[in-house]
Amino acid sequence: MHRILILLVFIGLLSSCARDRGKTQRDLQKIYLAINEGNLDEANELLVAENKLATSPLESDGYTKELYGQVHVLETKTIGDDNQMIVYKLEKHERNRGIQRRMMSEDFKERRAAGEVKSVDEDSGIIVYTVRRAAFEVKTDNGEYRYIIDPTEKALNVHFPNKRKEVQQLMEKYFPEG
């Protein structure tokens, strides 16, 4: 009886140590929503220092306006004890005043052939793309988790100095095209 009780307590302790997988998706969604709203300070609170945003990555000109949609975490891979690579799909909504011209562009045709075009609403001029991306969740010196949503060489070298080869292999495995 005591062995069963000790085993249950041990299992409970282990499960309480595991990171909340839903929190990762919520955090990524929060980052992209903050970018949509132009609140880069809020987005940067969840990003590592080497990955902070100075300008919005969204395109917005007289013909095109982009917004981020839903984030869907597909898979996570643990790197070391406290870090992980996150493979996810991100919706990108593009409102385009010249929708017919956009649909005839080589870029659009390539994206459609690659399966990135989720939907097209010609009446409203909105195209929804889904893009497969990678992010990294890293534990900082103060014990908090931060994210790298744009895995640059600088950010990866700073946060994975001893695991750089493992990170490179994961990137090549999940994103062989580069």
C-alpha atoms as a PDB file:
ATOM      1  CA  MET A   1       0.000   0.000   0.000  1.00  0.00           C
ATOM      2  CA  HIS A   2       2.826   2.394   0.893  1.00  0.00           C
ATOM      3  CA  ARG A   3       4.564   1.664  -2.419  1.00  0.00           C
ATOM      4  CA  ILE A   4       1.444   2.589  -4.359  1.00  0.00           C
ATOM      5  CA  LEU A   5       1.054   5.811  -2.399  1.00  0.00           C
ATOM      6  CA  ILE A   6       4.719   6.749  -2.940  1.00  0.00           C
ATOM      7  CA  LEU A   7       4.378   5.951  -6.653  1.00  0.00           C
ATOM      8  CA  LEU A   8       1.294   8.163  -6.968  1.00  0.00           C
ATOM      9  CA  VAL A   9       3.034  11.047  -5.177  1.00  0.00           C
ATOM     10  CA  PHE A  10       6.074  10.636  -7.443  1.00  0.00           C
ATOM     11  CA  ILE A  11       3.910  10.658 -10.593  1.00  0.00           C
ATOM     12  CA  GLY A  12       2.095  13.747  -9.328  1.00  0.00           C
ATOM     13  CA  LEU A  13       5.376  15.559  -8.768  1.00  0.00           C
ATOM     14  CA  LEU A  14       6.645  14.663 -12.231  1.00  0.00           C
ATOM     15  CA  SER A  15       3.460  15.823 -13.930  1.00  0.00           C
ATOM     16  CA  SER A  16       3.516  19.133 -12.066  1.00  0.00           C
ATOM     17  CA  CYS A  17       7.059  19.758 -13.372  1.00  0.00           C
ATOM     18  CA  ALA A  18       6.039  19.392 -17.024  1.00  0.00           C
ATOM     19  CA  ARG A  19       5.480  22.631 -18.907  1.00  0.00           C
ATOM     20  CA  ASP A  20       1.942  23.430 -19.961  1.00  0.00           C
ATOM     21  CA  ARG A  21       1.745  22.710 -23.714  1.00  0.00           C
ATOM     22  CA  GLY A  22      -1.346  24.890 -24.048  1.00  0.00           C
ATOM     23  CA  LYS A  23       0.601  27.797 -22.558  1.00  0.00           C
ATOM     24  CA  THR A  24       3.067  27.643 -25.438  1.00  0.00           C
ATOM     25  CA  GLN A  25       0.285  27.996 -28.004  1.00  0.00           C
ATOM     26  CA  ARG A  26      -1.344  30.816 -25.982  1.00  0.00           C
ATOM     27  CA  ASP A  27       1.959  32.668 -25.720  1.00  0.00           C
ATOM     28  CA  LEU A  28       2.635  32.416 -29.451  1.00  0.00           C
ATOM     29  CA  GLN A  29      -0.918  33.563 -30.207  1.00  0.00           C
ATOM     30  CA  LYS A  30      -0.436  36.480 -27.806  1.00  0.00           C
ATOM     31  CA  ILE A  31       2.766  37.515 -29.618  1.00  0.00           C
ATOM     32  CA  TYR A  32       1.082  37.515 -33.031  1.00  0.00           C
ATOM     33  CA  LEU A  33      -2.022  39.348 -31.771  1.00  0.00           C
ATOM     34  CA  ALA A  34       0.190  42.045 -30.248  1.00  0.00           C
ATOM     35  CA  ILE A  35       1.965  42.425 -33.604  1.00  0.00           C
ATOM     36  CA  ASN A  36      -1.439  42.789 -35.318  1.00  0.00           C
ATOM     37  CA  GLU A  37      -2.350  45.598 -32.944  1.00  0.00           C
ATOM     38  CA  GLY A  38       0.998  47.320 -33.487  1.00  0.00           C
ATOM     39  CA  ASN A  39       1.906  46.792 -29.840  1.00  0.00           C
ATOM     40  CA  LEU A  40       5.493  45.628 -30.339  1.00  0.00           C
ATOM     41  CA  ASP A  41       6.366  46.297 -26.676  1.00  0.00           C
ATOM     42  CA  GLU A  42       3.811  43.688 -25.601  1.00  0.00           C
ATOM     43  CA  ALA A  43       5.115  41.191 -28.164  1.00  0.00           C
ATOM     44  CA  ASN A  44       8.718  41.883 -27.102  1.00  0.00           C
ATOM     45  CA  GLU A  45       7.892  41.033 -23.474  1.00  0.00           C
ATOM     46  CA  LEU A  46       7.607  37.400 -24.584  1.00  0.00           C
ATOM     47  CA  LEU A  47      10.631  37.400 -26.922  1.00  0.00           C
ATOM     48  CA  VAL A  48      14.311  36.953 -26.085  1.00  0.00           C
ATOM     49  CA  ALA A  49      16.417  40.120 -26.304  1.00  0.00           C
ATOM     50  CA  GLU A  50      18.124  38.979 -29.538  1.00  0.00           C
ATOM     51  CA  ASN A  51      14.751  38.501 -31.238  1.00  0.00           C
ATOM     52  CA  LYS A  52      12.947  41.709 -30.227  1.00  0.00           C
ATOM     53  CA  LEU A  53      10.958  43.502 -32.927  1.00  0.00           C
ATOM     54  CA  ALA A  54      11.746  47.085 -33.889  1.00  0.00           C
ATOM     55  CA  THR A  55       9.267  47.182 -36.782  1.00  0.00           C
ATOM     56  CA  SER A  56       6.228  45.117 -37.656  1.00  0.00           C
ATOM     57  CA  PRO A  57       6.907  42.161 -39.977  1.00  0.00           C
ATOM     58  CA  LEU A  58       3.456  42.690 -41.531  1.00  0.00           C
ATOM     59  CA  GLU A  59       3.160  44.289 -44.948  1.00  0.00           C
ATOM     60  CA  SER A  60       0.827  47.244 -45.202  1.00  0.00           C
ATOM     61  CA  ASP A  61       0.769  49.572 -48.196  1.00  0.00           C
ATOM     62  CA  GLY A  62      -1.884  51.096 -50.432  1.00  0.00           C
ATOM     63  CA  TYR A  63      -2.841  47.749 -51.981  1.00  0.00           C
ATOM     64  CA  THR A  64      -2.087  45.123 -49.359  1.00  0.00           C
ATOM     65  CA  LYS A  65      -2.723  44.791 -45.625  1.00  0.00           C
ATOM     66  CA  GLU A  66      -1.664  41.717 -43.665  1.00  0.00           C
ATOM     67  CA  LEU A  67      -2.834  40.373 -40.306  1.00  0.00           C
ATOM     68  CA  TYR A  68      -1.925  37.242 -38.399  1.00  0.00           C
ATOM     69  CA  GLY A  69      -4.602  34.681 -37.603  1.00  0.00           C
ATOM     70  CA  GLN A  70      -4.611  31.491 -35.579  1.00  0.00           C
ATOM     71  CA  VAL A  71      -1.529  29.663 -34.324  1.00  0.00           C
ATOM     72  CA  HIS A  72      -1.683  25.858 -34.267  1.00  0.00           C
ATOM     73  CA  VAL A  73       1.175  24.036 -32.517  1.00  0.00           C
ATOM     74  CA  LEU A  74       1.924  20.869 -34.461  1.00  0.00           C
ATOM     75  CA  GLU A  75       4.851  19.417 -32.560  1.00  0.00           C
ATOM     76  CA  THR A  76       7.466  20.216 -29.929  1.00  0.00           C
ATOM     77  CA  LYS A  77      10.955  18.789 -29.596  1.00  0.00           C
ATOM     78  CA  THR A  78      12.916  19.082 -26.356  1.00  0.00           C
ATOM     79  CA  ILE A  79      16.420  20.523 -26.619  1.00  0.00           C
ATOM     80  CA  GLY A  80      18.407  19.996 -23.441  1.00  0.00           C
ATOM     81  CA  ASP A  81      16.608  20.206 -20.114  1.00  0.00           C
ATOM     82  CA  ASP A  82      14.664  23.455 -20.383  1.00  0.00           C
ATOM     83  CA  ASN A  83      14.359  24.461 -24.042  1.00  0.00           C
ATOM     84  CA  GLN A  84      12.262  23.268 -26.938  1.00  0.00           C
ATOM     85  CA  MET A  85      11.712  23.732 -30.641  1.00  0.00           C
ATOM     86  CA  ILE A  86       8.091  24.363 -31.598  1.00  0.00           C
ATOM     87  CA  VAL A  87       6.785  23.536 -35.066  1.00  0.00           C
ATOM     88  CA  TYR A  88       3.533  25.367 -35.746  1.00  0.00           C
ATOM     89  CA  LYS A  89       1.218  26.634 -38.446  1.00  0.00           C
ATOM     90  CA  LEU A  90       0.425  30.311 -38.613  1.00  0.00           C
ATOM     91  CA  GLU A  91      -2.440  31.823 -40.565  1.00  0.00           C
ATOM     92  CA  LYS A  92      -1.702  35.027 -42.414  1.00  0.00           C
ATOM     93  CA  HIS A  93      -4.646  37.036 -43.733  1.00  0.00           C
ATOM     94  CA  GLU A  94      -3.877  39.274 -46.688  1.00  0.00           C
ATOM     95  CA  ARG A  95      -6.388  41.894 -47.773  1.00  0.00           C
ATOM     96  CA  ASN A  96      -5.567  42.932 -51.304  1.00  0.00           C
ATOM     97  CA  ARG A  97      -7.291  45.645 -53.335  1.00  0.00           C
ATOM     98  CA  GLY A  98      -5.906  44.158 -56.559  1.00  0.00           C
ATOM     99  CA  ILE A  99      -7.019  40.592 -55.814  1.00  0.00           C
ATOM    100  CA  GLN A 100      -7.218  39.497 -59.465  1.00  0.00           C
ATOM    101  CA  ARG A 101      -3.693  40.767 -60.167  1.00  0.00           C
ATOM    102  CA  ARG A 102      -2.442  39.116 -56.943  1.00  0.00           C
ATOM    103  CA  MET A 103      -3.966  35.784 -57.935  1.00  0.00           C
ATOM    104  CA  MET A 104      -2.154  35.947 -61.288  1.00  0.00           C
ATOM    105  CA  SER A 105       1.252  36.610 -59.665  1.00  0.00           C
ATOM    106  CA  GLU A 106       3.966  33.961 -59.672  1.00  0.00           C
ATOM    107  CA  ASP A 107       4.283  34.193 -55.874  1.00  0.00           C
ATOM    108  CA  PHE A 108       0.588  33.378 -55.409  1.00  0.00           C
ATOM    109  CA  LYS A 109       0.766  30.481 -57.889  1.00  0.00           C
ATOM    110  CA  GLU A 110       3.808  29.040 -56.113  1.00  0.00           C
ATOM    111  CA  ARG A 111       2.132  29.369 -52.721  1.00  0.00           C
ATOM    112  CA  ARG A 112      -1.038  27.703 -54.018  1.00  0.00           C
ATOM    113  CA  ALA A 113       1.009  24.841 -55.500  1.00  0.00           C
ATOM    114  CA  ALA A 114       2.812  24.442 -52.161  1.00  0.00           C
ATOM    115  CA  GLY A 115      -0.546  24.137 -50.364  1.00  0.00           C
ATOM    116  CA  GLU A 116      -0.158  27.381 -48.415  1.00  0.00           C
ATOM    117  CA  VAL A 117      -3.359  28.990 -49.717  1.00  0.00           C
ATOM    118  CA  LYS A 118      -6.141  28.115 -47.275  1.00  0.00           C
ATOM    119  CA  SER A 119      -8.918  30.241 -48.777  1.00  0.00           C
ATOM    120  CA  VAL A 120      -9.626  33.054 -51.222  1.00  0.00           C
ATOM    121  CA  ASP A 121     -12.575  35.422 -50.940  1.00  0.00           C
ATOM    122  CA  GLU A 122     -12.547  37.427 -54.162  1.00  0.00           C
ATOM    123  CA  ASP A 123     -15.496  39.610 -53.100  1.00  0.00           C
ATOM    124  CA  SER A 124     -13.724  40.950 -50.002  1.00  0.00           C
ATOM    125  CA  GLY A 125     -10.216  40.624 -51.457  1.00  0.00           C
ATOM    126  CA  ILE A 126      -8.946  38.417 -48.629  1.00  0.00           C
ATOM    127  CA  ILE A 127      -6.527  35.545 -49.069  1.00  0.00           C
ATOM    128  CA  VAL A 128      -5.707  33.327 -46.083  1.00  0.00           C
ATOM    129  CA  TYR A 129      -2.384  31.516 -46.113  1.00  0.00           C
ATOM    130  CA  THR A 130      -1.125  28.920 -43.668  1.00  0.00           C
ATOM    131  CA  VAL A 131       2.607  28.912 -43.184  1.00  0.00           C
ATOM    132  CA  ARG A 132       4.568  26.252 -41.330  1.00  0.00           C
ATOM    133  CA  ARG A 133       7.115  27.853 -39.023  1.00  0.00           C
ATOM    134  CA  ALA A 134       9.507  27.095 -36.186  1.00  0.00           C
ATOM    135  CA  ALA A 135       9.984  28.913 -32.913  1.00  0.00           C
ATOM    136  CA  PHE A 136      12.080  28.188 -29.871  1.00  0.00           C
ATOM    137  CA  GLU A 137      11.071  28.395 -26.247  1.00  0.00           C
ATOM    138  CA  VAL A 138      14.108  29.057 -24.049  1.00  0.00           C
ATOM    139  CA  LYS A 139      14.525  29.387 -20.313  1.00  0.00           C
ATOM    140  CA  THR A 140      16.225  32.649 -19.417  1.00  0.00           C
ATOM    141  CA  ASP A 141      18.633  33.301 -16.556  1.00  0.00           C
ATOM    142  CA  ASN A 142      15.780  34.498 -14.325  1.00  0.00           C
ATOM    143  CA  GLY A 143      13.869  31.216 -14.859  1.00  0.00           C
ATOM    144  CA  GLU A 144      11.194  32.617 -17.186  1.00  0.00           C
ATOM    145  CA  TYR A 145      10.467  31.248 -20.638  1.00  0.00           C
ATOM    146  CA  ARG A 146      10.875  33.489 -23.684  1.00  0.00           C
ATOM    147  CA  TYR A 147      10.493  32.811 -27.382  1.00  0.00           C
ATOM    148  CA  ILE A 148      12.454  33.096 -30.592  1.00  0.00           C
ATOM    149  CA  ILE A 149       9.916  33.431 -33.429  1.00  0.00           C
ATOM    150  CA  ASP A 150      12.496  34.439 -36.024  1.00  0.00           C
ATOM    151  CA  PRO A 151      15.334  31.938 -35.558  1.00  0.00           C
ATOM    152  CA  THR A 152      18.310  34.078 -36.630  1.00  0.00           C
ATOM    153  CA  GLU A 153      21.887  32.825 -36.350  1.00  0.00           C
ATOM    154  CA  LYS A 154      22.597  35.372 -33.607  1.00  0.00           C
ATOM    155  CA  ALA A 155      19.633  34.348 -31.442  1.00  0.00           C
ATOM    156  CA  LEU A 156      20.331  30.634 -31.863  1.00  0.00           C
ATOM    157  CA  ASN A 157      24.056  31.029 -31.116  1.00  0.00           C
ATOM    158  CA  VAL A 158      23.316  32.979 -27.916  1.00  0.00           C
ATOM    159  CA  HIS A 159      20.710  30.547 -26.579  1.00  0.00           C
ATOM    160  CA  PHE A 160      22.089  27.249 -27.871  1.00  0.00           C
ATOM    161  CA  PRO A 161      25.896  27.606 -27.739  1.00  0.00           C
ATOM    162  CA  ASN A 162      26.406  23.954 -26.737  1.00  0.00           C
ATOM    163  CA  LYS A 163      23.429  22.524 -28.640  1.00  0.00           C
ATOM    164  CA  ARG A 164      23.937  24.344 -31.950  1.00  0.00           C
ATOM    165  CA  LYS A 165      24.490  21.137 -33.958  1.00  0.00           C
ATOM    166  CA  GLU A 166      21.324  19.551 -32.522  1.00  0.00           C
ATOM    167  CA  VAL A 167      19.307  22.689 -33.337  1.00  0.00           C
ATOM    168  CA  GLN A 168      20.693  22.760 -36.896  1.00  0.00           C
ATOM    169  CA  GLN A 169      19.757  19.085 -37.399  1.00  0.00           C
ATOM    170  CA  LEU A 170      16.199  19.726 -36.166  1.00  0.00           C
ATOM    171  CA  MET A 171      15.847  22.723 -38.485  1.00  0.00           C
ATOM    172  CA  GLU A 172      17.096  20.682 -41.446  1.00  0.00           C
ATOM    173  CA  LYS A 173      14.753  17.814 -40.559  1.00  0.00           C
ATOM    174  CA  TYR A 174      11.611  19.942 -40.288  1.00  0.00           C
ATOM    175  CA  PHE A 175      12.516  22.667 -42.791  1.00  0.00           C
ATOM    176  CA  PRO A 176      14.798  21.091 -45.414  1.00  0.00           C
ATOM    177  CA  GLU A 177      14.130  23.922 -47.890  1.00  0.00           C
ATOM    178  CA  GLY A 178      15.864  26.376 -45.580  1.00  0.00           C
END
